[in-house]
Amino acid sequence: MAKPYSVDLRRRVIAKYNDGKSVAVIAAELDVKKTFVYDMIALYDATGSVEPKPATGGRKPTIDEDALMQMEAIVTETPDITLQELKDEMGLSVSLSVICDTLNKKLNLRFKKNSVRHRAER
């Protein structure tokens, strides 16, 4: 997400608007888009402030902490379990790629091929 414009710039937009300047003139003078000027006017009218809205923190995780702990326990107990079997056992309604990403990134459980075993099977 892009960094919000500074509060100083936001205040200058409102000051120029209160001085009676048009949106097009304000946008040209401050080198911003007209939509930004309209957004600042709407925000100021609605809240009386030009402070940027707080960040929401992104999307909520699809697999919560309890499910993560359960997933880690299952994979530790049966390390050769497939993603589909894990999904079925836990009753998850997410895609296999989400399960794979969760195992790799959040639990740091990676599948490593055993080159010795692989060579012995040939």
PDB file of N, CA and C in Angstrom:
ATOM      1  N   MET A   1       0.841  -1.171   0.000  1.00  0.00           N
ATOM      2  CA  MET A   1       0.000   0.000   0.000  1.00  0.00           C
ATOM      3  C   MET A   1       0.888   1.235   0.000  1.00  0.00           C
ATOM      4  N   ALA A   2       0.448   2.264  -0.702  1.00  0.00           N
ATOM      5  CA  ALA A   2       1.226   3.485  -0.812  1.00  0.00           C
ATOM      6  C   ALA A   2       1.181   4.275   0.500  1.00  0.00           C
ATOM      7  N   LYS A   3       2.230   5.020   0.736  1.00  0.00           N
ATOM      8  CA  LYS A   3       2.304   5.854   1.926  1.00  0.00           C
ATOM      9  C   LYS A   3       1.360   7.045   1.751  1.00  0.00           C
ATOM     10  N   PRO A   4       0.586   7.406   2.772  1.00  0.00           N
ATOM     11  CA  PRO A   4      -0.340   8.533   2.631  1.00  0.00           C
ATOM     12  C   PRO A   4       0.406   9.862   2.494  1.00  0.00           C
ATOM     13  N   TYR A   5      -0.268  10.813   1.859  1.00  0.00           N
ATOM     14  CA  TYR A   5       0.298  12.156   1.737  1.00  0.00           C
ATOM     15  C   TYR A   5       0.479  12.760   3.126  1.00  0.00           C
ATOM     16  N   SER A   6       1.407  13.696   3.243  1.00  0.00           N
ATOM     17  CA  SER A   6       1.688  14.318   4.538  1.00  0.00           C
ATOM     18  C   SER A   6       0.493  15.143   5.008  1.00  0.00           C
ATOM     19  N   VAL A   7       0.411  15.302   6.321  1.00  0.00           N
ATOM     20  CA  VAL A   7      -0.673  16.083   6.913  1.00  0.00           C
ATOM     21  C   VAL A   7      -0.547  17.543   6.489  1.00  0.00           C
ATOM     22  N   ASP A   8       0.687  18.018   6.325  1.00  0.00           N
ATOM     23  CA  ASP A   8       0.908  19.398   5.881  1.00  0.00           C
ATOM     24  C   ASP A   8       0.277  19.641   4.508  1.00  0.00           C
ATOM     25  N   LEU A   9       0.494  18.733   3.571  1.00  0.00           N
ATOM     26  CA  LEU A   9      -0.091  18.867   2.242  1.00  0.00           C
ATOM     27  C   LEU A   9      -1.607  18.807   2.316  1.00  0.00           C
ATOM     28  N   ARG A  10      -2.121  17.938   3.151  1.00  0.00           N
ATOM     29  CA  ARG A  10      -3.567  17.816   3.319  1.00  0.00           C
ATOM     30  C   ARG A  10      -4.167  19.119   3.861  1.00  0.00           C
ATOM     31  N   ARG A  11      -3.458  19.731   4.807  1.00  0.00           N
ATOM     32  CA  ARG A  11      -3.948  21.001   5.373  1.00  0.00           C
ATOM     33  C   ARG A  11      -3.903  22.121   4.333  1.00  0.00           C
ATOM     34  N   ARG A  12      -2.855  22.127   3.496  1.00  0.00           N
ATOM     35  CA  ARG A  12      -2.773  23.152   2.453  1.00  0.00           C
ATOM     36  C   ARG A  12      -3.911  23.016   1.448  1.00  0.00           C
ATOM     37  N   VAL A  13      -4.303  21.767   1.138  1.00  0.00           N
ATOM     38  CA  VAL A  13      -5.432  21.543   0.229  1.00  0.00           C
ATOM     39  C   VAL A  13      -6.691  22.166   0.823  1.00  0.00           C
ATOM     40  N   ILE A  14      -6.968  21.898   2.086  1.00  0.00           N
ATOM     41  CA  ILE A  14      -8.176  22.420   2.733  1.00  0.00           C
ATOM     42  C   ILE A  14      -8.102  23.942   2.853  1.00  0.00           C
ATOM     43  N   ALA A  15      -6.921  24.488   3.158  1.00  0.00           N
ATOM     44  CA  ALA A  15      -6.779  25.948   3.272  1.00  0.00           C
ATOM     45  C   ALA A  15      -7.081  26.622   1.935  1.00  0.00           C
ATOM     46  N   LYS A  16      -6.563  26.070   0.860  1.00  0.00           N
ATOM     47  CA  LYS A  16      -6.817  26.658  -0.462  1.00  0.00           C
ATOM     48  C   LYS A  16      -8.287  26.511  -0.841  1.00  0.00           C
ATOM     49  N   TYR A  17      -8.893  25.381  -0.454  1.00  0.00           N
ATOM     50  CA  TYR A  17     -10.310  25.179  -0.752  1.00  0.00           C
ATOM     51  C   TYR A  17     -11.159  26.182   0.031  1.00  0.00           C
ATOM     52  N   ASN A  18     -10.798  26.417   1.302  1.00  0.00           N
ATOM     53  CA  ASN A  18     -11.532  27.387   2.113  1.00  0.00           C
ATOM     54  C   ASN A  18     -11.331  28.815   1.613  1.00  0.00           C
ATOM     55  N   ASP A  19     -10.219  29.065   0.907  1.00  0.00           N
ATOM     56  CA  ASP A  19      -9.976  30.388   0.321  1.00  0.00           C
ATOM     57  C   ASP A  19     -10.806  30.603  -0.940  1.00  0.00           C
ATOM     58  N   GLY A  20     -11.491  29.562  -1.401  1.00  0.00           N
ATOM     59  CA  GLY A  20     -12.383  29.694  -2.537  1.00  0.00           C
ATOM     60  C   GLY A  20     -11.798  29.233  -3.856  1.00  0.00           C
ATOM     61  N   LYS A  21     -10.658  28.589  -3.844  1.00  0.00           N
ATOM     62  CA  LYS A  21     -10.059  28.120  -5.090  1.00  0.00           C
ATOM     63  C   LYS A  21     -10.766  26.853  -5.565  1.00  0.00           C
ATOM     64  N   SER A  22     -10.766  26.660  -6.868  1.00  0.00           N
ATOM     65  CA  SER A  22     -11.417  25.486  -7.437  1.00  0.00           C
ATOM     66  C   SER A  22     -10.534  24.252  -7.264  1.00  0.00           C
ATOM     67  N   VAL A  23     -11.152  23.093  -7.420  1.00  0.00           N
ATOM     68  CA  VAL A  23     -10.431  21.834  -7.269  1.00  0.00           C
ATOM     69  C   VAL A  23      -9.327  21.725  -8.316  1.00  0.00           C
ATOM     70  N   ALA A  24      -9.605  22.120  -9.538  1.00  0.00           N
ATOM     71  CA  ALA A  24      -8.617  22.044 -10.613  1.00  0.00           C
ATOM     72  C   ALA A  24      -7.414  22.938 -10.315  1.00  0.00           C
ATOM     73  N   VAL A  25      -7.657  24.132  -9.813  1.00  0.00           N
ATOM     74  CA  VAL A  25      -6.569  25.058  -9.492  1.00  0.00           C
ATOM     75  C   VAL A  25      -5.729  24.509  -8.338  1.00  0.00           C
ATOM     76  N   ILE A  26      -6.385  23.986  -7.305  1.00  0.00           N
ATOM     77  CA  ILE A  26      -5.661  23.418  -6.159  1.00  0.00           C
ATOM     78  C   ILE A  26      -4.786  22.262  -6.621  1.00  0.00           C
ATOM     79  N   ALA A  27      -5.344  21.383  -7.448  1.00  0.00           N
ATOM     80  CA  ALA A  27      -4.596  20.223  -7.937  1.00  0.00           C
ATOM     81  C   ALA A  27      -3.383  20.666  -8.746  1.00  0.00           C
ATOM     82  N   ALA A  28      -3.549  21.683  -9.583  1.00  0.00           N
ATOM     83  CA  ALA A  28      -2.442  22.165 -10.402  1.00  0.00           C
ATOM     84  C   ALA A  28      -1.364  22.841  -9.546  1.00  0.00           C
ATOM     85  N   GLU A  29      -1.762  23.652  -8.583  1.00  0.00           N
ATOM     86  CA  GLU A  29      -0.805  24.370  -7.745  1.00  0.00           C
ATOM     87  C   GLU A  29       0.002  23.427  -6.837  1.00  0.00           C
ATOM     88  N   LEU A  30      -0.639  22.398  -6.327  1.00  0.00           N
ATOM     89  CA  LEU A  30       0.035  21.491  -5.390  1.00  0.00           C
ATOM     90  C   LEU A  30       0.551  20.226  -6.061  1.00  0.00           C
ATOM     91  N   ASP A  31       0.346  20.127  -7.360  1.00  0.00           N
ATOM     92  CA  ASP A  31       0.813  18.984  -8.143  1.00  0.00           C
ATOM     93  C   ASP A  31       0.296  17.652  -7.577  1.00  0.00           C
ATOM     94  N   VAL A  32      -1.018  17.612  -7.379  1.00  0.00           N
ATOM     95  CA  VAL A  32      -1.692  16.387  -6.948  1.00  0.00           C
ATOM     96  C   VAL A  32      -2.863  16.139  -7.888  1.00  0.00           C
ATOM     97  N   LYS A  33      -3.445  14.982  -7.790  1.00  0.00           N
ATOM     98  CA  LYS A  33      -4.593  14.661  -8.634  1.00  0.00           C
ATOM     99  C   LYS A  33      -5.857  15.285  -8.059  1.00  0.00           C
ATOM    100  N   LYS A  34      -6.808  15.527  -8.955  1.00  0.00           N
ATOM    101  CA  LYS A  34      -8.075  16.117  -8.520  1.00  0.00           C
ATOM    102  C   LYS A  34      -8.817  15.191  -7.563  1.00  0.00           C
ATOM    103  N   THR A  35      -8.706  13.887  -7.790  1.00  0.00           N
ATOM    104  CA  THR A  35      -9.395  12.945  -6.904  1.00  0.00           C
ATOM    105  C   THR A  35      -8.879  13.055  -5.473  1.00  0.00           C
ATOM    106  N   PHE A  36      -7.580  13.324  -5.315  1.00  0.00           N
ATOM    107  CA  PHE A  36      -7.035  13.514  -3.977  1.00  0.00           C
ATOM    108  C   PHE A  36      -7.657  14.737  -3.324  1.00  0.00           C
ATOM    109  N   VAL A  37      -7.811  15.810  -4.079  1.00  0.00           N
ATOM    110  CA  VAL A  37      -8.417  17.028  -3.540  1.00  0.00           C
ATOM    111  C   VAL A  37      -9.861  16.755  -3.135  1.00  0.00           C
ATOM    112  N   TYR A  38     -10.604  16.065  -4.000  1.00  0.00           N
ATOM    113  CA  TYR A  38     -11.989  15.716  -3.670  1.00  0.00           C
ATOM    114  C   TYR A  38     -12.054  14.833  -2.421  1.00  0.00           C
ATOM    115  N   ASP A  39     -11.142  13.871  -2.327  1.00  0.00           N
ATOM    116  CA  ASP A  39     -11.111  12.982  -1.159  1.00  0.00           C
ATOM    117  C   ASP A  39     -10.814  13.752   0.123  1.00  0.00           C
ATOM    118  N   MET A  40      -9.899  14.723   0.056  1.00  0.00           N
ATOM    119  CA  MET A  40      -9.562  15.511   1.243  1.00  0.00           C
ATOM    120  C   MET A  40     -10.733  16.377   1.674  1.00  0.00           C
ATOM    121  N   ILE A  41     -11.433  16.942   0.705  1.00  0.00           N
ATOM    122  CA  ILE A  41     -12.605  17.764   1.030  1.00  0.00           C
ATOM    123  C   ILE A  41     -13.675  16.902   1.685  1.00  0.00           C
ATOM    124  N   ALA A  42     -13.914  15.724   1.130  1.00  0.00           N
ATOM    125  CA  ALA A  42     -14.923  14.819   1.689  1.00  0.00           C
ATOM    126  C   ALA A  42     -14.524  14.361   3.095  1.00  0.00           C
ATOM    127  N   LEU A  43     -13.251  14.040   3.284  1.00  0.00           N
ATOM    128  CA  LEU A  43     -12.771  13.607   4.594  1.00  0.00           C
ATOM    129  C   LEU A  43     -12.910  14.730   5.612  1.00  0.00           C
ATOM    130  N   TYR A  44     -12.556  15.928   5.209  1.00  0.00           N
ATOM    131  CA  TYR A  44     -12.640  17.073   6.112  1.00  0.00           C
ATOM    132  C   TYR A  44     -14.101  17.378   6.467  1.00  0.00           C
ATOM    133  N   ASP A  45     -14.982  17.297   5.488  1.00  0.00           N
ATOM    134  CA  ASP A  45     -16.403  17.537   5.751  1.00  0.00           C
ATOM    135  C   ASP A  45     -16.987  16.471   6.674  1.00  0.00           C
ATOM    136  N   ALA A  46     -16.552  15.233   6.519  1.00  0.00           N
ATOM    137  CA  ALA A  46     -17.112  14.134   7.304  1.00  0.00           C
ATOM    138  C   ALA A  46     -16.554  14.081   8.720  1.00  0.00           C
ATOM    139  N   THR A  47     -15.246  14.336   8.869  1.00  0.00           N
ATOM    140  CA  THR A  47     -14.612  14.144  10.180  1.00  0.00           C
ATOM    141  C   THR A  47     -14.103  15.426  10.824  1.00  0.00           C
ATOM    142  N   GLY A  48     -13.926  16.480  10.026  1.00  0.00           N
ATOM    143  CA  GLY A  48     -13.351  17.708  10.562  1.00  0.00           C
ATOM    144  C   GLY A  48     -11.844  17.626  10.706  1.00  0.00           C
ATOM    145  N   SER A  49     -11.249  16.576  10.179  1.00  0.00           N
ATOM    146  CA  SER A  49      -9.811  16.358  10.281  1.00  0.00           C
ATOM    147  C   SER A  49      -9.275  15.941   8.917  1.00  0.00           C
ATOM    148  N   VAL A  50      -7.979  16.128   8.734  1.00  0.00           N
ATOM    149  CA  VAL A  50      -7.342  15.679   7.492  1.00  0.00           C
ATOM    150  C   VAL A  50      -6.339  14.563   7.758  1.00  0.00           C
ATOM    151  N   GLU A  51      -6.353  14.021   8.978  1.00  0.00           N
ATOM    152  CA  GLU A  51      -5.451  12.930   9.326  1.00  0.00           C
ATOM    153  C   GLU A  51      -5.783  11.698   8.477  1.00  0.00           C
ATOM    154  N   PRO A  52      -4.753  10.977   8.026  1.00  0.00           N
ATOM    155  CA  PRO A  52      -5.024   9.759   7.251  1.00  0.00           C
ATOM    156  C   PRO A  52      -5.686   8.698   8.122  1.00  0.00           C
ATOM    157  N   LYS A  53      -6.498   7.880   7.487  1.00  0.00           N
ATOM    158  CA  LYS A  53      -7.155   6.796   8.209  1.00  0.00           C
ATOM    159  C   LYS A  53      -6.104   5.780   8.640  1.00  0.00           C
ATOM    160  N   PRO A  54      -6.319   5.111   9.770  1.00  0.00           N
ATOM    161  CA  PRO A  54      -5.338   4.120  10.214  1.00  0.00           C
ATOM    162  C   PRO A  54      -5.304   2.922   9.279  1.00  0.00           C
ATOM    163  N   ALA A  55      -4.152   2.290   9.181  1.00  0.00           N
ATOM    164  CA  ALA A  55      -4.009   1.105   8.344  1.00  0.00           C
ATOM    165  C   ALA A  55      -4.796  -0.038   8.956  1.00  0.00           C
ATOM    166  N   THR A  56      -5.394  -0.854   8.114  1.00  0.00           N
ATOM    167  CA  THR A  56      -6.237  -1.946   8.602  1.00  0.00           C
ATOM    168  C   THR A  56      -5.439  -3.196   8.917  1.00  0.00           C
ATOM    169  N   GLY A  57      -4.222  -3.290   8.430  1.00  0.00           N
ATOM    170  CA  GLY A  57      -3.407  -4.462   8.719  1.00  0.00           C
ATOM    171  C   GLY A  57      -3.564  -5.584   7.723  1.00  0.00           C
ATOM    172  N   GLY A  58      -4.277  -5.366   6.654  1.00  0.00           N
ATOM    173  CA  GLY A  58      -4.403  -6.384   5.616  1.00  0.00           C
ATOM    174  C   GLY A  58      -5.504  -7.381   5.887  1.00  0.00           C
ATOM    175  N   ARG A  59      -5.503  -8.426   5.109  1.00  0.00           N
ATOM    176  CA  ARG A  59      -6.526  -9.453   5.220  1.00  0.00           C
ATOM    177  C   ARG A  59      -6.297 -10.315   6.448  1.00  0.00           C
ATOM    178  N   LYS A  60      -7.383 -10.824   6.971  1.00  0.00           N
ATOM    179  CA  LYS A  60      -7.301 -11.728   8.109  1.00  0.00           C
ATOM    180  C   LYS A  60      -6.819 -13.090   7.616  1.00  0.00           C
ATOM    181  N   PRO A  61      -6.018 -13.792   8.408  1.00  0.00           N
ATOM    182  CA  PRO A  61      -5.540 -15.097   7.971  1.00  0.00           C
ATOM    183  C   PRO A  61      -6.695 -16.095   7.866  1.00  0.00           C
ATOM    184  N   THR A  62      -6.618 -16.962   6.862  1.00  0.00           N
ATOM    185  CA  THR A  62      -7.679 -17.945   6.667  1.00  0.00           C
ATOM    186  C   THR A  62      -7.528 -19.126   7.612  1.00  0.00           C
ATOM    187  N   ILE A  63      -6.329 -19.331   8.131  1.00  0.00           N
ATOM    188  CA  ILE A  63      -6.080 -20.409   9.084  1.00  0.00           C
ATOM    189  C   ILE A  63      -5.648 -19.767  10.402  1.00  0.00           C
ATOM    190  N   ASP A  64      -6.473 -19.948  11.448  1.00  0.00           N
ATOM    191  CA  ASP A  64      -6.202 -19.275  12.724  1.00  0.00           C
ATOM    192  C   ASP A  64      -5.124 -20.008  13.522  1.00  0.00           C
ATOM    193  N   GLU A  65      -4.789 -19.454  14.691  1.00  0.00           N
ATOM    194  CA  GLU A  65      -3.695 -19.969  15.515  1.00  0.00           C
ATOM    195  C   GLU A  65      -3.960 -21.404  15.993  1.00  0.00           C
ATOM    196  N   ASP A  66      -5.206 -21.693  16.381  1.00  0.00           N
ATOM    197  CA  ASP A  66      -5.525 -23.043  16.853  1.00  0.00           C
ATOM    198  C   ASP A  66      -5.315 -24.065  15.745  1.00  0.00           C
ATOM    199  N   ALA A  67      -5.761 -23.712  14.532  1.00  0.00           N
ATOM    200  CA  ALA A  67      -5.587 -24.614  13.395  1.00  0.00           C
ATOM    201  C   ALA A  67      -4.106 -24.777  13.052  1.00  0.00           C
ATOM    202  N   LEU A  68      -3.321 -23.717  13.225  1.00  0.00           N
ATOM    203  CA  LEU A  68      -1.877 -23.814  12.986  1.00  0.00           C
ATOM    204  C   LEU A  68      -1.225 -24.810  13.935  1.00  0.00           C
ATOM    205  N   MET A  69      -1.601 -24.735  15.191  1.00  0.00           N
ATOM    206  CA  MET A  69      -1.033 -25.662  16.173  1.00  0.00           C
ATOM    207  C   MET A  69      -1.455 -27.095  15.871  1.00  0.00           C
ATOM    208  N   GLN A  70      -2.716 -27.269  15.496  1.00  0.00           N
ATOM    209  CA  GLN A  70      -3.211 -28.600  15.142  1.00  0.00           C
ATOM    210  C   GLN A  70      -2.489 -29.120  13.899  1.00  0.00           C
ATOM    211  N   MET A  71      -2.301 -28.239  12.909  1.00  0.00           N
ATOM    212  CA  MET A  71      -1.631 -28.624  11.670  1.00  0.00           C
ATOM    213  C   MET A  71      -0.189 -29.055  11.958  1.00  0.00           C
ATOM    214  N   GLU A  72       0.493 -28.302  12.802  1.00  0.00           N
ATOM    215  CA  GLU A  72       1.873 -28.642  13.136  1.00  0.00           C
ATOM    216  C   GLU A  72       1.952 -29.989  13.845  1.00  0.00           C
ATOM    217  N   ALA A  73       1.008 -30.250  14.738  1.00  0.00           N
ATOM    218  CA  ALA A  73       0.992 -31.524  15.462  1.00  0.00           C
ATOM    219  C   ALA A  73       0.761 -32.695  14.506  1.00  0.00           C
ATOM    220  N   ILE A  74      -0.150 -32.526  13.566  1.00  0.00           N
ATOM    221  CA  ILE A  74      -0.461 -33.594  12.619  1.00  0.00           C
ATOM    222  C   ILE A  74       0.743 -33.873  11.727  1.00  0.00           C
ATOM    223  N   VAL A  75       1.376 -32.828  11.222  1.00  0.00           N
ATOM    224  CA  VAL A  75       2.522 -33.008  10.324  1.00  0.00           C
ATOM    225  C   VAL A  75       3.719 -33.586  11.077  1.00  0.00           C
ATOM    226  N   THR A  76       3.890 -33.205  12.329  1.00  0.00           N
ATOM    227  CA  THR A  76       4.982 -33.761  13.121  1.00  0.00           C
ATOM    228  C   THR A  76       4.747 -35.251  13.395  1.00  0.00           C
ATOM    229  N   GLU A  77       3.488 -35.604  13.657  1.00  0.00           N
ATOM    230  CA  GLU A  77       3.131 -36.998  13.940  1.00  0.00           C
ATOM    231  C   GLU A  77       3.230 -37.875  12.694  1.00  0.00           C
ATOM    232  N   THR A  78       2.751 -37.362  11.565  1.00  0.00           N
ATOM    233  CA  THR A  78       2.793 -38.114  10.299  1.00  0.00           C
ATOM    234  C   THR A  78       3.432 -37.236   9.237  1.00  0.00           C
ATOM    235  N   PRO A  79       4.753 -37.226   9.140  1.00  0.00           N
ATOM    236  CA  PRO A  79       5.446 -36.307   8.234  1.00  0.00           C
ATOM    237  C   PRO A  79       5.218 -36.592   6.751  1.00  0.00           C
ATOM    238  N   ASP A  80       4.737 -37.787   6.410  1.00  0.00           N
ATOM    239  CA  ASP A  80       4.540 -38.096   4.995  1.00  0.00           C
ATOM    240  C   ASP A  80       3.107 -37.846   4.531  1.00  0.00           C
ATOM    241  N   ILE A  81       2.321 -37.113   5.323  1.00  0.00           N
ATOM    242  CA  ILE A  81       0.946 -36.819   4.972  1.00  0.00           C
ATOM    243  C   ILE A  81       0.905 -35.863   3.778  1.00  0.00           C
ATOM    244  N   THR A  82      -0.021 -36.090   2.862  1.00  0.00           N
ATOM    245  CA  THR A  82      -0.149 -35.203   1.703  1.00  0.00           C
ATOM    246  C   THR A  82      -0.984 -33.994   2.076  1.00  0.00           C
ATOM    247  N   LEU A  83      -0.926 -32.978   1.243  1.00  0.00           N
ATOM    248  CA  LEU A  83      -1.710 -31.768   1.497  1.00  0.00           C
ATOM    249  C   LEU A  83      -3.197 -32.077   1.484  1.00  0.00           C
ATOM    250  N   GLN A  84      -3.634 -32.909   0.549  1.00  0.00           N
ATOM    251  CA  GLN A  84      -5.048 -33.260   0.462  1.00  0.00           C
ATOM    252  C   GLN A  84      -5.491 -34.036   1.698  1.00  0.00           C
ATOM    253  N   GLU A  85      -4.669 -34.960   2.170  1.00  0.00           N
ATOM    254  CA  GLU A  85      -5.008 -35.709   3.378  1.00  0.00           C
ATOM    255  C   GLU A  85      -5.070 -34.785   4.590  1.00  0.00           C
ATOM    256  N   LEU A  86      -4.153 -33.833   4.664  1.00  0.00           N
ATOM    257  CA  LEU A  86      -4.155 -32.866   5.754  1.00  0.00           C
ATOM    258  C   LEU A  86      -5.414 -32.008   5.715  1.00  0.00           C
ATOM    259  N   LYS A  87      -5.780 -31.586   4.531  1.00  0.00           N
ATOM    260  CA  LYS A  87      -6.989 -30.780   4.353  1.00  0.00           C
ATOM    261  C   LYS A  87      -8.220 -31.569   4.786  1.00  0.00           C
ATOM    262  N   ASP A  88      -8.305 -32.817   4.369  1.00  0.00           N
ATOM    263  CA  ASP A  88      -9.456 -33.651   4.719  1.00  0.00           C
ATOM    264  C   ASP A  88      -9.506 -33.930   6.221  1.00  0.00           C
ATOM    265  N   GLU A  89      -8.365 -34.229   6.812  1.00  0.00           N
ATOM    266  CA  GLU A  89      -8.319 -34.556   8.239  1.00  0.00           C
ATOM    267  C   GLU A  89      -8.720 -33.374   9.107  1.00  0.00           C
ATOM    268  N   MET A  90      -8.301 -32.175   8.708  1.00  0.00           N
ATOM    269  CA  MET A  90      -8.607 -30.987   9.502  1.00  0.00           C
ATOM    270  C   MET A  90      -9.958 -30.375   9.145  1.00  0.00           C
ATOM    271  N   GLY A  91     -10.529 -30.799   8.007  1.00  0.00           N
ATOM    272  CA  GLY A  91     -11.815 -30.241   7.585  1.00  0.00           C
ATOM    273  C   GLY A  91     -11.707 -28.796   7.128  1.00  0.00           C
ATOM    274  N   LEU A  92     -10.595 -28.452   6.511  1.00  0.00           N
ATOM    275  CA  LEU A  92     -10.371 -27.079   6.053  1.00  0.00           C
ATOM    276  C   LEU A  92     -11.090 -26.829   4.729  1.00  0.00           C
ATOM    277  N   SER A  93     -11.506 -25.595   4.527  1.00  0.00           N
ATOM    278  CA  SER A  93     -12.167 -25.230   3.273  1.00  0.00           C
ATOM    279  C   SER A  93     -11.315 -24.226   2.490  1.00  0.00           C
ATOM    280  N   VAL A  94     -10.018 -24.467   2.481  1.00  0.00           N
ATOM    281  CA  VAL A  94      -9.095 -23.607   1.746  1.00  0.00           C
ATOM    282  C   VAL A  94      -8.420 -24.434   0.657  1.00  0.00           C
ATOM    283  N   SER A  95      -7.747 -23.749  -0.257  1.00  0.00           N
ATOM    284  CA  SER A  95      -7.066 -24.458  -1.333  1.00  0.00           C
ATOM    285  C   SER A  95      -5.791 -25.121  -0.826  1.00  0.00           C
ATOM    286  N   LEU A  96      -5.296 -26.044  -1.621  1.00  0.00           N
ATOM    287  CA  LEU A  96      -4.069 -26.744  -1.250  1.00  0.00           C
ATOM    288  C   LEU A  96      -2.873 -25.795  -1.231  1.00  0.00           C
ATOM    289  N   SER A  97      -2.897 -24.781  -2.092  1.00  0.00           N
ATOM    290  CA  SER A  97      -1.786 -23.824  -2.108  1.00  0.00           C
ATOM    291  C   SER A  97      -1.736 -23.008  -0.823  1.00  0.00           C
ATOM    292  N   VAL A  98      -2.890 -22.732  -0.223  1.00  0.00           N
ATOM    293  CA  VAL A  98      -2.910 -22.012   1.059  1.00  0.00           C
ATOM    294  C   VAL A  98      -2.303 -22.891   2.147  1.00  0.00           C
ATOM    295  N   ILE A  99      -2.639 -24.168   2.127  1.00  0.00           N
ATOM    296  CA  ILE A  99      -2.072 -25.097   3.110  1.00  0.00           C
ATOM    297  C   ILE A  99      -0.562 -25.200   2.924  1.00  0.00           C
ATOM    298  N   CYS A 100      -0.121 -25.310   1.686  1.00  0.00           N
ATOM    299  CA  CYS A 100       1.308 -25.403   1.389  1.00  0.00           C
ATOM    300  C   CYS A 100       2.037 -24.141   1.848  1.00  0.00           C
ATOM    301  N   ASP A 101       1.489 -22.970   1.538  1.00  0.00           N
ATOM    302  CA  ASP A 101       2.103 -21.705   1.965  1.00  0.00           C
ATOM    303  C   ASP A 101       2.158 -21.604   3.487  1.00  0.00           C
ATOM    304  N   THR A 102       1.105 -22.067   4.150  1.00  0.00           N
ATOM    305  CA  THR A 102       1.068 -22.024   5.610  1.00  0.00           C
ATOM    306  C   THR A 102       2.155 -22.909   6.202  1.00  0.00           C
ATOM    307  N   LEU A 103       2.293 -24.103   5.656  1.00  0.00           N
ATOM    308  CA  LEU A 103       3.335 -25.006   6.148  1.00  0.00           C
ATOM    309  C   LEU A 103       4.725 -24.430   5.913  1.00  0.00           C
ATOM    310  N   ASN A 104       4.938 -23.857   4.748  1.00  0.00           N
ATOM    311  CA  ASN A 104       6.260 -23.336   4.400  1.00  0.00           C
ATOM    312  C   ASN A 104       6.598 -22.042   5.133  1.00  0.00           C
ATOM    313  N   LYS A 105       5.683 -21.097   5.128  1.00  0.00           N
ATOM    314  CA  LYS A 105       6.005 -19.755   5.607  1.00  0.00           C
ATOM    315  C   LYS A 105       5.738 -19.553   7.088  1.00  0.00           C
ATOM    316  N   LYS A 106       4.609 -20.047   7.573  1.00  0.00           N
ATOM    317  CA  LYS A 106       4.272 -19.794   8.975  1.00  0.00           C
ATOM    318  C   LYS A 106       4.847 -20.837   9.911  1.00  0.00           C
ATOM    319  N   LEU A 107       4.848 -22.090   9.492  1.00  0.00           N
ATOM    320  CA  LEU A 107       5.339 -23.155  10.358  1.00  0.00           C
ATOM    321  C   LEU A 107       6.764 -23.577  10.024  1.00  0.00           C
ATOM    322  N   ASN A 108       7.276 -23.079   8.924  1.00  0.00           N
ATOM    323  CA  ASN A 108       8.634 -23.379   8.469  1.00  0.00           C
ATOM    324  C   ASN A 108       8.871 -24.887   8.344  1.00  0.00           C
ATOM    325  N   LEU A 109       7.851 -25.593   7.875  1.00  0.00           N
ATOM    326  CA  LEU A 109       7.947 -27.029   7.622  1.00  0.00           C
ATOM    327  C   LEU A 109       8.026 -27.225   6.123  1.00  0.00           C
ATOM    328  N   ARG A 110       9.171 -27.618   5.636  1.00  0.00           N
ATOM    329  CA  ARG A 110       9.377 -27.756   4.204  1.00  0.00           C
ATOM    330  C   ARG A 110       9.585 -29.217   3.858  1.00  0.00           C
ATOM    331  N   PHE A 111       9.122 -29.579   2.677  1.00  0.00           N
ATOM    332  CA  PHE A 111       9.340 -30.925   2.172  1.00  0.00           C
ATOM    333  C   PHE A 111      10.667 -30.929   1.451  1.00  0.00           C
ATOM    334  N   LYS A 112      11.584 -31.748   1.909  1.00  0.00           N
ATOM    335  CA  LYS A 112      12.876 -31.874   1.245  1.00  0.00           C
ATOM    336  C   LYS A 112      12.990 -33.268   0.682  1.00  0.00           C
ATOM    337  N   LYS A 113      13.355 -33.325  -0.547  1.00  0.00           N
ATOM    338  CA  LYS A 113      13.542 -34.619  -1.174  1.00  0.00           C
ATOM    339  C   LYS A 113      14.771 -35.282  -0.588  1.00  0.00           C
ATOM    340  N   ASN A 114      14.665 -36.550  -0.344  1.00  0.00           N
ATOM    341  CA  ASN A 114      15.776 -37.317   0.180  1.00  0.00           C
ATOM    342  C   ASN A 114      16.526 -37.898  -1.012  1.00  0.00           C
ATOM    343  N   SER A 115      17.645 -37.311  -1.370  1.00  0.00           N
ATOM    344  CA  SER A 115      18.363 -37.728  -2.570  1.00  0.00           C
ATOM    345  C   SER A 115      18.917 -39.135  -2.440  1.00  0.00           C
ATOM    346  N   VAL A 116      19.257 -39.554  -1.223  1.00  0.00           N
ATOM    347  CA  VAL A 116      19.788 -40.900  -1.015  1.00  0.00           C
ATOM    348  C   VAL A 116      18.687 -41.925  -1.286  1.00  0.00           C
ATOM    349  N   ARG A 117      17.495 -41.691  -0.738  1.00  0.00           N
ATOM    350  CA  ARG A 117      16.386 -42.595  -0.952  1.00  0.00           C
ATOM    351  C   ARG A 117      15.983 -42.615  -2.420  1.00  0.00           C
ATOM    352  N   HIS A 118      15.999 -41.451  -3.035  1.00  0.00           N
ATOM    353  CA  HIS A 118      15.618 -41.347  -4.444  1.00  0.00           C
ATOM    354  C   HIS A 118      16.557 -42.162  -5.327  1.00  0.00           C
ATOM    355  N   ARG A 119      17.855 -42.113  -5.045  1.00  0.00           N
ATOM    356  CA  ARG A 119      18.825 -42.860  -5.834  1.00  0.00           C
ATOM    357  C   ARG A 119      18.663 -44.362  -5.622  1.00  0.00           C
ATOM    358  N   ALA A 120      18.287 -44.767  -4.417  1.00  0.00           N
ATOM    359  CA  ALA A 120      18.158 -46.192  -4.111  1.00  0.00           C
ATOM    360  C   ALA A 120      16.958 -46.817  -4.816  1.00  0.00           C
ATOM    361  N   GLU A 121      15.946 -45.992  -5.134  1.00  0.00           N
ATOM    362  CA  GLU A 121      14.736 -46.510  -5.761  1.00  0.00           C
ATOM    363  C   GLU A 121      14.913 -46.756  -7.258  1.00  0.00           C
ATOM    364  N   ARG A 122      15.930 -46.237  -7.863  1.00  0.00           N
ATOM    365  CA  ARG A 122      16.097 -46.373  -9.317  1.00  0.00           C
ATOM    366  C   ARG A 122      16.434 -47.743  -9.739  1.00  0.00           C
TER     367      ARG A 122
END
